[in-house]
Amino acid sequence: MSEGTISIKKVIPIIVVTWILSLVTTLTVVYVVLSIFPSGTGGGAITTENIVDGAIVTTKLADGAVTSAKILDGTITGVDISDGSIIAVKIADGAVIADKIADSAVSTDKISDDAVVTIKLADGAVTSAKILDGTVTAVDLATGAITEINIAAGAVTTTKIADYAVTNLKLAAGAIPFNSTYGTGTISKTTASWENITDMSVTITVERNSTLLIMFSVQSAISLDDKNILWRALVNTDTALPGALYLQPPGEGSQWSLVSYNFYQPDVSAGEYTVYVQWYVSGGTGWVGHRTLFVIALPE
């Protein structure tokens, strides 16, 4: 036998050993397959008991393989849901009820324009601070809504009162200061000096600059034809305008005459004043009978 050739006797044992190893390997594979796939076909043969607990990890699941039917009802908790994953279309209509909204969670940008209608406002909820200054106009006020308590002291000025709107009934008693007096007994005088006429004085109080209107009427007579009676009004110690006057012609011969005159005193400041009417007889005897004095303070 030449050098480099293998004897047939040596080759046969190698072939036999190789065949035996191949047979053992084949039997082993068949055994394993039959153990895993008892039906011998392989398709659908892996049952629950063939899978070790915890063997199905994330990488073994195909994308989209876990459907709703594969998730046990009620088992998805908060930690299973990623932040921001629940979008509008995933929330059923009416599903977000009051107790699902956290306190103070509804901010301005979550409320649609015009969403807060009248029925959504609690009674008394709109306070002064919630109303923009200067926005309540006449049309917002109900008829008769402005009552006395709503009007600030001094708020009704002259321009707010319509012409001819202040009637007699709107004036309080004593709103225009006045006072009056009268006398009936006959009195006489013969002296040529100024003297107060009995019952012809009043006191009046004014609260602002005023003009005093002094209205005087009297029945009088004088004994001598060529003599006269003079009359004047005083406000405290000041002679009212226009000063002393003759109110009847001389020579009446003791005949009664009714005379009257309106004196006045302008620019009287606030305060209390006494108004007198005085008379002066130039000669003979003078008499006065029925007489009246009426004083009104007219605001300036």
C-alpha atoms as a PDB file:
ATOM      1  CA  MET A   1       0.000   0.000   0.000  1.00  0.00           C
ATOM      2  CA  SER A   2       1.460   3.330  -1.021  1.00  0.00           C
ATOM      3  CA  GLU A   3       2.307   6.042   1.472  1.00  0.00           C
ATOM      4  CA  GLY A   4      -0.621   8.482   2.084  1.00  0.00           C
ATOM      5  CA  THR A   5      -3.496   5.975   1.509  1.00  0.00           C
ATOM      6  CA  ILE A   6      -5.803   4.888   4.342  1.00  0.00           C
ATOM      7  CA  SER A   7      -6.469   1.261   4.920  1.00  0.00           C
ATOM      8  CA  ILE A   8     -10.099   0.158   4.387  1.00  0.00           C
ATOM      9  CA  LYS A   9      -9.889  -1.525   7.734  1.00  0.00           C
ATOM     10  CA  LYS A  10      -9.313   1.827   9.391  1.00  0.00           C
ATOM     11  CA  VAL A  11     -12.073   3.674   7.448  1.00  0.00           C
ATOM     12  CA  ILE A  12     -14.882   1.292   8.281  1.00  0.00           C
ATOM     13  CA  PRO A  13     -14.724   1.839  12.077  1.00  0.00           C
ATOM     14  CA  ILE A  14     -14.759   5.639  11.535  1.00  0.00           C
ATOM     15  CA  ILE A  15     -17.844   5.394   9.312  1.00  0.00           C
ATOM     16  CA  VAL A  16     -19.606   3.202  11.848  1.00  0.00           C
ATOM     17  CA  VAL A  17     -18.860   5.579  14.723  1.00  0.00           C
ATOM     18  CA  THR A  18     -20.021   8.588  12.705  1.00  0.00           C
ATOM     19  CA  TRP A  19     -23.254   6.826  11.798  1.00  0.00           C
ATOM     20  CA  ILE A  20     -23.940   5.888  15.387  1.00  0.00           C
ATOM     21  CA  LEU A  21     -23.361   9.493  16.558  1.00  0.00           C
ATOM     22  CA  SER A  22     -25.682  10.760  13.812  1.00  0.00           C
ATOM     23  CA  LEU A  23     -28.380   8.298  14.832  1.00  0.00           C
ATOM     24  CA  VAL A  24     -28.104   9.296  18.488  1.00  0.00           C
ATOM     25  CA  THR A  25     -28.383  12.960  17.557  1.00  0.00           C
ATOM     26  CA  THR A  26     -31.433  12.344  15.394  1.00  0.00           C
ATOM     27  CA  LEU A  27     -33.167  10.329  18.114  1.00  0.00           C
ATOM     28  CA  THR A  28     -32.423  13.082  20.613  1.00  0.00           C
ATOM     29  CA  VAL A  29     -33.953  15.760  18.369  1.00  0.00           C
ATOM     30  CA  VAL A  30     -37.023  13.587  17.748  1.00  0.00           C
ATOM     31  CA  TYR A  31     -37.393  13.039  21.466  1.00  0.00           C
ATOM     32  CA  VAL A  32     -37.199  16.748  22.223  1.00  0.00           C
ATOM     33  CA  VAL A  33     -39.671  17.602  19.457  1.00  0.00           C
ATOM     34  CA  LEU A  34     -42.083  14.955  20.621  1.00  0.00           C
ATOM     35  CA  SER A  35     -41.741  16.246  24.163  1.00  0.00           C
ATOM     36  CA  ILE A  36     -42.546  19.830  23.154  1.00  0.00           C
ATOM     37  CA  PHE A  37     -45.062  19.034  20.444  1.00  0.00           C
ATOM     38  CA  PRO A  38     -46.913  15.933  21.591  1.00  0.00           C
ATOM     39  CA  SER A  39     -49.218  15.932  18.551  1.00  0.00           C
ATOM     40  CA  GLY A  40     -46.205  15.698  16.309  1.00  0.00           C
ATOM     41  CA  THR A  41     -47.319  18.580  14.091  1.00  0.00           C
ATOM     42  CA  GLY A  42     -45.822  21.553  15.990  1.00  0.00           C
ATOM     43  CA  GLY A  43     -48.583  24.160  15.119  1.00  0.00           C
ATOM     44  CA  GLY A  44     -50.462  25.425  18.296  1.00  0.00           C
ATOM     45  CA  ALA A  45     -48.758  22.827  20.396  1.00  0.00           C
ATOM     46  CA  ILE A  46     -47.318  25.181  23.086  1.00  0.00           C
ATOM     47  CA  THR A  47     -49.824  25.185  25.920  1.00  0.00           C
ATOM     48  CA  THR A  48     -49.846  27.158  29.190  1.00  0.00           C
ATOM     49  CA  GLU A  49     -48.113  24.387  31.086  1.00  0.00           C
ATOM     50  CA  ASN A  50     -45.274  24.396  28.538  1.00  0.00           C
ATOM     51  CA  ILE A  51     -44.456  28.057  29.366  1.00  0.00           C
ATOM     52  CA  VAL A  52     -42.446  28.830  32.467  1.00  0.00           C
ATOM     53  CA  ASP A  53     -43.964  31.485  34.772  1.00  0.00           C
ATOM     54  CA  GLY A  54     -42.531  34.904  33.865  1.00  0.00           C
ATOM     55  CA  ALA A  55     -41.085  33.584  30.582  1.00  0.00           C
ATOM     56  CA  ILE A  56     -43.118  35.979  28.358  1.00  0.00           C
ATOM     57  CA  VAL A  57     -41.191  39.227  28.644  1.00  0.00           C
ATOM     58  CA  THR A  58     -41.770  42.505  26.765  1.00  0.00           C
ATOM     59  CA  THR A  59     -39.485  41.581  23.868  1.00  0.00           C
ATOM     60  CA  LYS A  60     -41.531  38.391  23.247  1.00  0.00           C
ATOM     61  CA  LEU A  61     -44.729  40.418  22.598  1.00  0.00           C
ATOM     62  CA  ALA A  62     -45.313  41.690  19.070  1.00  0.00           C
ATOM     63  CA  ASP A  63     -46.359  45.325  18.695  1.00  0.00           C
ATOM     64  CA  GLY A  64     -50.137  45.548  18.989  1.00  0.00           C
ATOM     65  CA  ALA A  65     -50.433  41.971  20.271  1.00  0.00           C
ATOM     66  CA  VAL A  66     -52.081  42.885  23.611  1.00  0.00           C
ATOM     67  CA  THR A  67     -55.689  43.769  22.737  1.00  0.00           C
ATOM     68  CA  SER A  68     -58.504  44.844  25.071  1.00  0.00           C
ATOM     69  CA  ALA A  69     -59.704  41.249  25.353  1.00  0.00           C
ATOM     70  CA  LYS A  70     -56.260  40.186  26.637  1.00  0.00           C
ATOM     71  CA  ILE A  71     -56.353  42.771  29.491  1.00  0.00           C
ATOM     72  CA  LEU A  72     -58.186  41.691  32.618  1.00  0.00           C
ATOM     73  CA  ASP A  73     -60.988  44.138  33.446  1.00  0.00           C
ATOM     74  CA  GLY A  74     -60.099  46.584  36.213  1.00  0.00           C
ATOM     75  CA  THR A  75     -56.379  45.748  36.244  1.00  0.00           C
ATOM     76  CA  ILE A  76     -54.966  48.884  34.567  1.00  0.00           C
ATOM     77  CA  THR A  77     -54.000  51.272  37.372  1.00  0.00           C
ATOM     78  CA  GLY A  78     -52.574  54.798  37.374  1.00  0.00           C
ATOM     79  CA  VAL A  79     -48.977  53.630  37.209  1.00  0.00           C
ATOM     80  CA  ASP A  80     -49.753  51.691  33.995  1.00  0.00           C
ATOM     81  CA  ILE A  81     -50.798  54.886  32.184  1.00  0.00           C
ATOM     82  CA  SER A  82     -48.036  57.179  30.929  1.00  0.00           C
ATOM     83  CA  ASP A  83     -48.242  60.917  31.607  1.00  0.00           C
ATOM     84  CA  GLY A  84     -50.275  62.769  28.982  1.00  0.00           C
ATOM     85  CA  SER A  85     -51.478  59.592  27.273  1.00  0.00           C
ATOM     86  CA  ILE A  86     -55.200  60.129  27.957  1.00  0.00           C
ATOM     87  CA  ILE A  87     -56.354  62.587  25.264  1.00  0.00           C
ATOM     88  CA  ALA A  88     -59.823  64.052  24.630  1.00  0.00           C
ATOM     89  CA  VAL A  89     -61.094  61.257  22.366  1.00  0.00           C
ATOM     90  CA  LYS A  90     -60.242  58.672  25.020  1.00  0.00           C
ATOM     91  CA  ILE A  91     -62.614  60.271  27.584  1.00  0.00           C
ATOM     92  CA  ALA A  92     -66.258  59.248  27.281  1.00  0.00           C
ATOM     93  CA  ASP A  93     -68.865  62.023  27.116  1.00  0.00           C
ATOM     94  CA  GLY A  94     -69.963  62.930  30.628  1.00  0.00           C
ATOM     95  CA  ALA A  95     -67.193  60.868  32.214  1.00  0.00           C
ATOM     96  CA  VAL A  96     -65.462  63.800  33.920  1.00  0.00           C
ATOM     97  CA  ILE A  97     -67.821  64.505  36.848  1.00  0.00           C
ATOM     98  CA  ALA A  98     -67.342  66.998  39.699  1.00  0.00           C
ATOM     99  CA  ASP A  99     -65.404  64.712  42.028  1.00  0.00           C
ATOM    100  CA  LYS A 100     -62.958  63.849  39.227  1.00  0.00           C
ATOM    101  CA  ILE A 101     -61.816  67.484  39.014  1.00  0.00           C
ATOM    102  CA  ALA A 102     -59.230  68.519  41.593  1.00  0.00           C
ATOM    103  CA  ASP A 103     -59.971  71.543  43.762  1.00  0.00           C
ATOM    104  CA  SER A 104     -58.846  74.789  42.073  1.00  0.00           C
ATOM    105  CA  ALA A 105     -57.998  72.833  38.893  1.00  0.00           C
ATOM    106  CA  VAL A 106     -60.353  74.757  36.568  1.00  0.00           C
ATOM    107  CA  SER A 107     -58.398  77.883  35.609  1.00  0.00           C
ATOM    108  CA  THR A 108     -59.481  80.772  33.377  1.00  0.00           C
ATOM    109  CA  ASP A 109     -58.051  79.235  30.204  1.00  0.00           C
ATOM    110  CA  LYS A 110     -60.177  76.102  30.805  1.00  0.00           C
ATOM    111  CA  ILE A 111     -63.441  78.087  30.661  1.00  0.00           C
ATOM    112  CA  SER A 112     -64.839  78.909  27.215  1.00  0.00           C
ATOM    113  CA  ASP A 113     -65.777  82.485  26.422  1.00  0.00           C
ATOM    114  CA  ASP A 114     -69.422  83.177  27.376  1.00  0.00           C
ATOM    115  CA  ALA A 115     -69.613  79.819  29.195  1.00  0.00           C
ATOM    116  CA  VAL A 116     -70.509  81.374  32.559  1.00  0.00           C
ATOM    117  CA  VAL A 117     -74.198  82.224  32.108  1.00  0.00           C
ATOM    118  CA  THR A 118     -76.589  83.677  34.689  1.00  0.00           C
ATOM    119  CA  ILE A 119     -77.682  80.336  36.109  1.00  0.00           C
ATOM    120  CA  LYS A 120     -74.046  79.459  36.869  1.00  0.00           C
ATOM    121  CA  LEU A 121     -73.674  82.441  39.206  1.00  0.00           C
ATOM    122  CA  ALA A 122     -74.632  81.890  42.830  1.00  0.00           C
ATOM    123  CA  ASP A 123     -76.901  84.486  44.418  1.00  0.00           C
ATOM    124  CA  GLY A 124     -74.746  87.280  45.776  1.00  0.00           C
ATOM    125  CA  ALA A 125     -71.640  86.017  43.966  1.00  0.00           C
ATOM    126  CA  VAL A 126     -71.051  89.176  41.924  1.00  0.00           C
ATOM    127  CA  THR A 127     -69.632  91.640  44.445  1.00  0.00           C
ATOM    128  CA  SER A 128     -68.532  95.226  43.853  1.00  0.00           C
ATOM    129  CA  ALA A 129     -64.927  94.091  43.367  1.00  0.00           C
ATOM    130  CA  LYS A 130     -66.032  91.826  40.478  1.00  0.00           C
ATOM    131  CA  ILE A 131     -67.728  94.683  38.591  1.00  0.00           C
ATOM    132  CA  LEU A 132     -65.453  96.836  36.440  1.00  0.00           C
ATOM    133  CA  ASP A 133     -65.620 100.460  37.573  1.00  0.00           C
ATOM    134  CA  GLY A 134     -67.877 102.582  35.409  1.00  0.00           C
ATOM    135  CA  THR A 135     -69.541  99.664  33.589  1.00  0.00           C
ATOM    136  CA  VAL A 136     -72.976  99.673  35.273  1.00  0.00           C
ATOM    137  CA  THR A 137     -75.065 101.836  32.938  1.00  0.00           C
ATOM    138  CA  ALA A 138     -78.666 103.016  33.109  1.00  0.00           C
ATOM    139  CA  VAL A 139     -79.979  99.985  31.190  1.00  0.00           C
ATOM    140  CA  ASP A 140     -78.456  97.683  33.828  1.00  0.00           C
ATOM    141  CA  LEU A 141     -80.551  99.245  36.587  1.00  0.00           C
ATOM    142  CA  ALA A 142     -84.056  97.974  37.196  1.00  0.00           C
ATOM    143  CA  THR A 143     -86.820 100.554  37.452  1.00  0.00           C
ATOM    144  CA  GLY A 144     -86.945 101.819  41.019  1.00  0.00           C
ATOM    145  CA  ALA A 145     -83.640 100.118  41.926  1.00  0.00           C
ATOM    146  CA  ILE A 146     -82.013 103.298  43.260  1.00  0.00           C
ATOM    147  CA  THR A 147     -83.443 103.826  46.750  1.00  0.00           C
ATOM    148  CA  GLU A 148     -82.663 106.577  49.245  1.00  0.00           C
ATOM    149  CA  ILE A 149     -79.928 104.555  50.957  1.00  0.00           C
ATOM    150  CA  ASN A 150     -78.091 104.150  47.619  1.00  0.00           C
ATOM    151  CA  ILE A 151     -77.723 107.904  47.108  1.00  0.00           C
ATOM    152  CA  ALA A 152     -74.686 109.465  48.754  1.00  0.00           C
ATOM    153  CA  ALA A 153     -75.187 112.562  50.888  1.00  0.00           C
ATOM    154  CA  GLY A 154     -74.942 115.641  48.690  1.00  0.00           C
ATOM    155  CA  ALA A 155     -75.048 113.596  45.469  1.00  0.00           C
ATOM    156  CA  VAL A 156     -78.238 115.219  44.137  1.00  0.00           C
ATOM    157  CA  THR A 157     -76.928 118.527  42.847  1.00  0.00           C
ATOM    158  CA  THR A 158     -78.819 121.273  41.035  1.00  0.00           C
ATOM    159  CA  THR A 159     -78.039 119.829  37.602  1.00  0.00           C
ATOM    160  CA  LYS A 160     -79.517 116.483  38.671  1.00  0.00           C
ATOM    161  CA  ILE A 161     -82.904 118.045  39.468  1.00  0.00           C
ATOM    162  CA  ALA A 162     -85.200 118.618  36.501  1.00  0.00           C
ATOM    163  CA  ASP A 163     -86.640 122.091  36.040  1.00  0.00           C
ATOM    164  CA  TYR A 164     -89.879 122.547  38.012  1.00  0.00           C
ATOM    165  CA  ALA A 165     -89.333 119.192  39.718  1.00  0.00           C
ATOM    166  CA  VAL A 166     -89.211 120.561  43.282  1.00  0.00           C
ATOM    167  CA  THR A 167     -92.859 120.972  44.255  1.00  0.00           C
ATOM    168  CA  ASN A 168     -94.298 122.349  47.476  1.00  0.00           C
ATOM    169  CA  LEU A 169     -94.544 118.834  48.926  1.00  0.00           C
ATOM    170  CA  LYS A 170     -90.795 118.370  48.436  1.00  0.00           C
ATOM    171  CA  LEU A 171     -90.018 121.238  50.815  1.00  0.00           C
ATOM    172  CA  ALA A 172     -89.558 120.299  54.448  1.00  0.00           C
ATOM    173  CA  ALA A 173     -91.334 122.320  57.084  1.00  0.00           C
ATOM    174  CA  GLY A 174     -89.176 125.366  57.769  1.00  0.00           C
ATOM    175  CA  ALA A 175     -87.018 124.757  54.697  1.00  0.00           C
ATOM    176  CA  ILE A 176     -87.403 128.444  53.887  1.00  0.00           C
ATOM    177  CA  PRO A 177     -86.878 130.251  57.218  1.00  0.00           C
ATOM    178  CA  PHE A 178     -89.663 132.622  58.214  1.00  0.00           C
ATOM    179  CA  ASN A 179     -91.385 134.056  61.255  1.00  0.00           C
ATOM    180  CA  SER A 180     -94.407 136.239  61.845  1.00  0.00           C
ATOM    181  CA  THR A 181     -96.380 138.103  64.492  1.00  0.00           C
ATOM    182  CA  TYR A 182     -99.421 140.348  64.835  1.00  0.00           C
ATOM    183  CA  GLY A 183    -101.013 142.728  67.327  1.00  0.00           C
ATOM    184  CA  THR A 184    -104.583 144.025  67.848  1.00  0.00           C
ATOM    185  CA  GLY A 185    -104.559 146.448  70.758  1.00  0.00           C
ATOM    186  CA  THR A 186    -104.550 150.191  70.005  1.00  0.00           C
ATOM    187  CA  ILE A 187    -101.473 152.064  71.175  1.00  0.00           C
ATOM    188  CA  SER A 188    -100.613 155.766  70.976  1.00  0.00           C
ATOM    189  CA  LYS A 189     -97.484 157.878  70.836  1.00  0.00           C
ATOM    190  CA  THR A 190     -96.736 161.613  71.143  1.00  0.00           C
ATOM    191  CA  THR A 191     -92.934 161.768  71.353  1.00  0.00           C
ATOM    192  CA  ALA A 192     -90.718 162.659  68.431  1.00  0.00           C
ATOM    193  CA  SER A 193     -88.372 159.690  68.867  1.00  0.00           C
ATOM    194  CA  TRP A 194     -88.001 156.154  67.483  1.00  0.00           C
ATOM    195  CA  GLU A 195     -89.788 153.499  69.484  1.00  0.00           C
ATOM    196  CA  ASN A 196     -90.525 149.800  68.964  1.00  0.00           C
ATOM    197  CA  ILE A 197     -94.132 149.077  68.049  1.00  0.00           C
ATOM    198  CA  THR A 198     -95.664 146.677  70.561  1.00  0.00           C
ATOM    199  CA  ASP A 199     -95.843 143.073  69.221  1.00  0.00           C
ATOM    200  CA  MET A 200     -93.839 144.003  66.092  1.00  0.00           C
ATOM    201  CA  SER A 201     -90.635 141.977  66.551  1.00  0.00           C
ATOM    202  CA  VAL A 202     -89.631 138.436  65.525  1.00  0.00           C
ATOM    203  CA  THR A 203     -86.502 136.280  65.703  1.00  0.00           C
ATOM    204  CA  ILE A 204     -85.331 134.330  62.649  1.00  0.00           C
ATOM    205  CA  THR A 205     -82.423 131.906  62.126  1.00  0.00           C
ATOM    206  CA  VAL A 206     -80.762 131.496  58.728  1.00  0.00           C
ATOM    207  CA  GLU A 207     -78.264 128.789  57.770  1.00  0.00           C
ATOM    208  CA  ARG A 208     -76.766 130.447  54.711  1.00  0.00           C
ATOM    209  CA  ASN A 209     -76.379 133.872  53.144  1.00  0.00           C
ATOM    210  CA  SER A 210     -79.870 135.239  52.647  1.00  0.00           C
ATOM    211  CA  THR A 211     -81.943 138.327  51.961  1.00  0.00           C
ATOM    212  CA  LEU A 212     -84.514 139.113  54.649  1.00  0.00           C
ATOM    213  CA  LEU A 213     -87.854 140.214  53.232  1.00  0.00           C
ATOM    214  CA  ILE A 214     -89.699 142.238  55.912  1.00  0.00           C
ATOM    215  CA  MET A 215     -93.413 142.693  55.202  1.00  0.00           C
ATOM    216  CA  PHE A 216     -95.233 145.177  57.489  1.00  0.00           C
ATOM    217  CA  SER A 217     -98.907 146.277  57.531  1.00  0.00           C
ATOM    218  CA  VAL A 218    -100.681 148.527  60.055  1.00  0.00           C
ATOM    219  CA  GLN A 219    -103.845 150.561  60.735  1.00  0.00           C
ATOM    220  CA  SER A 220    -102.759 154.042  61.837  1.00  0.00           C
ATOM    221  CA  ALA A 221    -103.978 157.607  62.479  1.00  0.00           C
ATOM    222  CA  ILE A 222    -102.527 160.997  63.536  1.00  0.00           C
ATOM    223  CA  SER A 223    -104.263 163.918  65.306  1.00  0.00           C
ATOM    224  CA  LEU A 224    -102.770 166.913  63.487  1.00  0.00           C
ATOM    225  CA  ASP A 225    -103.177 167.593  59.815  1.00  0.00           C
ATOM    226  CA  ASP A 226     -99.635 168.885  59.336  1.00  0.00           C
ATOM    227  CA  LYS A 227     -97.846 166.087  61.224  1.00  0.00           C
ATOM    228  CA  ASN A 228     -96.652 162.642  60.080  1.00  0.00           C
ATOM    229  CA  ILE A 229     -95.722 159.165  61.263  1.00  0.00           C
ATOM    230  CA  LEU A 230     -92.445 157.654  60.091  1.00  0.00           C
ATOM    231  CA  TRP A 231     -91.761 153.903  59.994  1.00  0.00           C
ATOM    232  CA  ARG A 232     -88.584 151.810  59.781  1.00  0.00           C
ATOM    233  CA  ALA A 233     -87.410 148.204  60.251  1.00  0.00           C
ATOM    234  CA  LEU A 234     -84.280 147.111  62.103  1.00  0.00           C
ATOM    235  CA  VAL A 235     -82.333 143.859  61.734  1.00  0.00           C
ATOM    236  CA  ASN A 236     -80.599 143.598  65.080  1.00  0.00           C
ATOM    237  CA  THR A 237     -79.251 147.171  65.149  1.00  0.00           C
ATOM    238  CA  ASP A 238     -79.004 147.758  61.379  1.00  0.00           C
ATOM    239  CA  THR A 239     -81.690 149.748  59.605  1.00  0.00           C
ATOM    240  CA  ALA A 240     -83.259 147.718  56.820  1.00  0.00           C
ATOM    241  CA  LEU A 241     -83.528 149.188  53.355  1.00  0.00           C
ATOM    242  CA  PRO A 242     -84.672 151.659  52.215  1.00  0.00           C
ATOM    243  CA  GLY A 243     -84.603 153.341  55.662  1.00  0.00           C
ATOM    244  CA  ALA A 244     -87.275 155.541  57.331  1.00  0.00           C
ATOM    245  CA  LEU A 245     -90.499 156.200  55.346  1.00  0.00           C
ATOM    246  CA  TYR A 246     -93.701 158.260  55.542  1.00  0.00           C
ATOM    247  CA  LEU A 247     -96.432 155.777  54.816  1.00  0.00           C
ATOM    248  CA  GLN A 248     -99.428 158.132  54.920  1.00  0.00           C
ATOM    249  CA  PRO A 249    -100.031 161.711  53.847  1.00  0.00           C
ATOM    250  CA  PRO A 250    -100.237 164.351  56.582  1.00  0.00           C
ATOM    251  CA  GLY A 251    -103.498 165.848  57.733  1.00  0.00           C
ATOM    252  CA  GLU A 252    -105.642 162.739  58.074  1.00  0.00           C
ATOM    253  CA  GLY A 253    -107.412 164.351  61.023  1.00  0.00           C
ATOM    254  CA  SER A 254    -107.531 161.294  63.255  1.00  0.00           C
ATOM    255  CA  GLN A 255    -108.931 159.121  60.454  1.00  0.00           C
ATOM    256  CA  TRP A 256    -107.677 155.530  60.348  1.00  0.00           C
ATOM    257  CA  SER A 257    -105.682 154.493  57.333  1.00  0.00           C
ATOM    258  CA  LEU A 258    -104.244 151.102  56.359  1.00  0.00           C
ATOM    259  CA  VAL A 259    -100.614 151.322  55.271  1.00  0.00           C
ATOM    260  CA  SER A 260     -98.022 148.699  54.400  1.00  0.00           C
ATOM    261  CA  TYR A 261     -94.495 148.383  53.060  1.00  0.00           C
ATOM    262  CA  ASN A 262     -91.908 145.701  52.261  1.00  0.00           C
ATOM    263  CA  PHE A 263     -88.505 146.448  53.765  1.00  0.00           C
ATOM    264  CA  TYR A 264     -85.523 144.187  53.034  1.00  0.00           C
ATOM    265  CA  GLN A 265     -81.991 143.447  54.217  1.00  0.00           C
ATOM    266  CA  PRO A 266     -79.597 141.780  51.717  1.00  0.00           C
ATOM    267  CA  ASP A 267     -76.424 139.776  52.346  1.00  0.00           C
ATOM    268  CA  VAL A 268     -77.392 138.436  55.749  1.00  0.00           C
ATOM    269  CA  SER A 269     -74.935 135.694  56.757  1.00  0.00           C
ATOM    270  CA  ALA A 270     -75.843 132.531  58.662  1.00  0.00           C
ATOM    271  CA  GLY A 271     -76.964 133.223  62.212  1.00  0.00           C
ATOM    272  CA  GLU A 272     -79.852 134.370  64.401  1.00  0.00           C
ATOM    273  CA  TYR A 273     -81.452 137.795  63.926  1.00  0.00           C
ATOM    274  CA  THR A 274     -84.163 139.865  65.599  1.00  0.00           C
ATOM    275  CA  VAL A 275     -86.278 142.063  63.332  1.00  0.00           C
ATOM    276  CA  TYR A 276     -88.113 145.087  64.792  1.00  0.00           C
ATOM    277  CA  VAL A 277     -90.542 147.645  63.370  1.00  0.00           C
ATOM    278  CA  GLN A 278     -90.342 151.158  64.909  1.00  0.00           C
ATOM    279  CA  TRP A 279     -92.376 154.344  64.557  1.00  0.00           C
ATOM    280  CA  TYR A 280     -91.744 158.099  64.957  1.00  0.00           C
ATOM    281  CA  VAL A 281     -94.414 160.819  65.446  1.00  0.00           C
ATOM    282  CA  SER A 282     -93.411 164.290  64.213  1.00  0.00           C
ATOM    283  CA  GLY A 283     -96.114 166.030  66.335  1.00  0.00           C
ATOM    284  CA  GLY A 284     -99.536 165.591  67.882  1.00  0.00           C
ATOM    285  CA  THR A 285    -100.724 162.116  68.759  1.00  0.00           C
ATOM    286  CA  GLY A 286    -100.274 159.021  66.642  1.00  0.00           C
ATOM    287  CA  TRP A 287    -102.129 155.748  66.941  1.00  0.00           C
ATOM    288  CA  VAL A 288    -101.662 152.191  65.631  1.00  0.00           C
ATOM    289  CA  GLY A 289    -104.252 149.483  65.704  1.00  0.00           C
ATOM    290  CA  HIS A 290    -104.243 146.086  63.953  1.00  0.00           C
ATOM    291  CA  ARG A 291    -100.762 145.284  62.654  1.00  0.00           C
ATOM    292  CA  THR A 292     -98.784 142.370  61.190  1.00  0.00           C
ATOM    293  CA  LEU A 293     -95.115 141.557  60.625  1.00  0.00           C
ATOM    294  CA  PHE A 294     -93.923 138.734  58.366  1.00  0.00           C
ATOM    295  CA  VAL A 295     -90.199 138.019  57.753  1.00  0.00           C
ATOM    296  CA  ILE A 296     -88.887 135.520  55.162  1.00  0.00           C
ATOM    297  CA  ALA A 297     -85.228 134.559  54.554  1.00  0.00           C
ATOM    298  CA  LEU A 298     -84.663 134.117  50.822  1.00  0.00           C
ATOM    299  CA  PRO A 299     -81.462 132.207  49.971  1.00  0.00           C
ATOM    300  CA  GLU A 300     -78.914 134.163  47.942  1.00  0.00           C
END
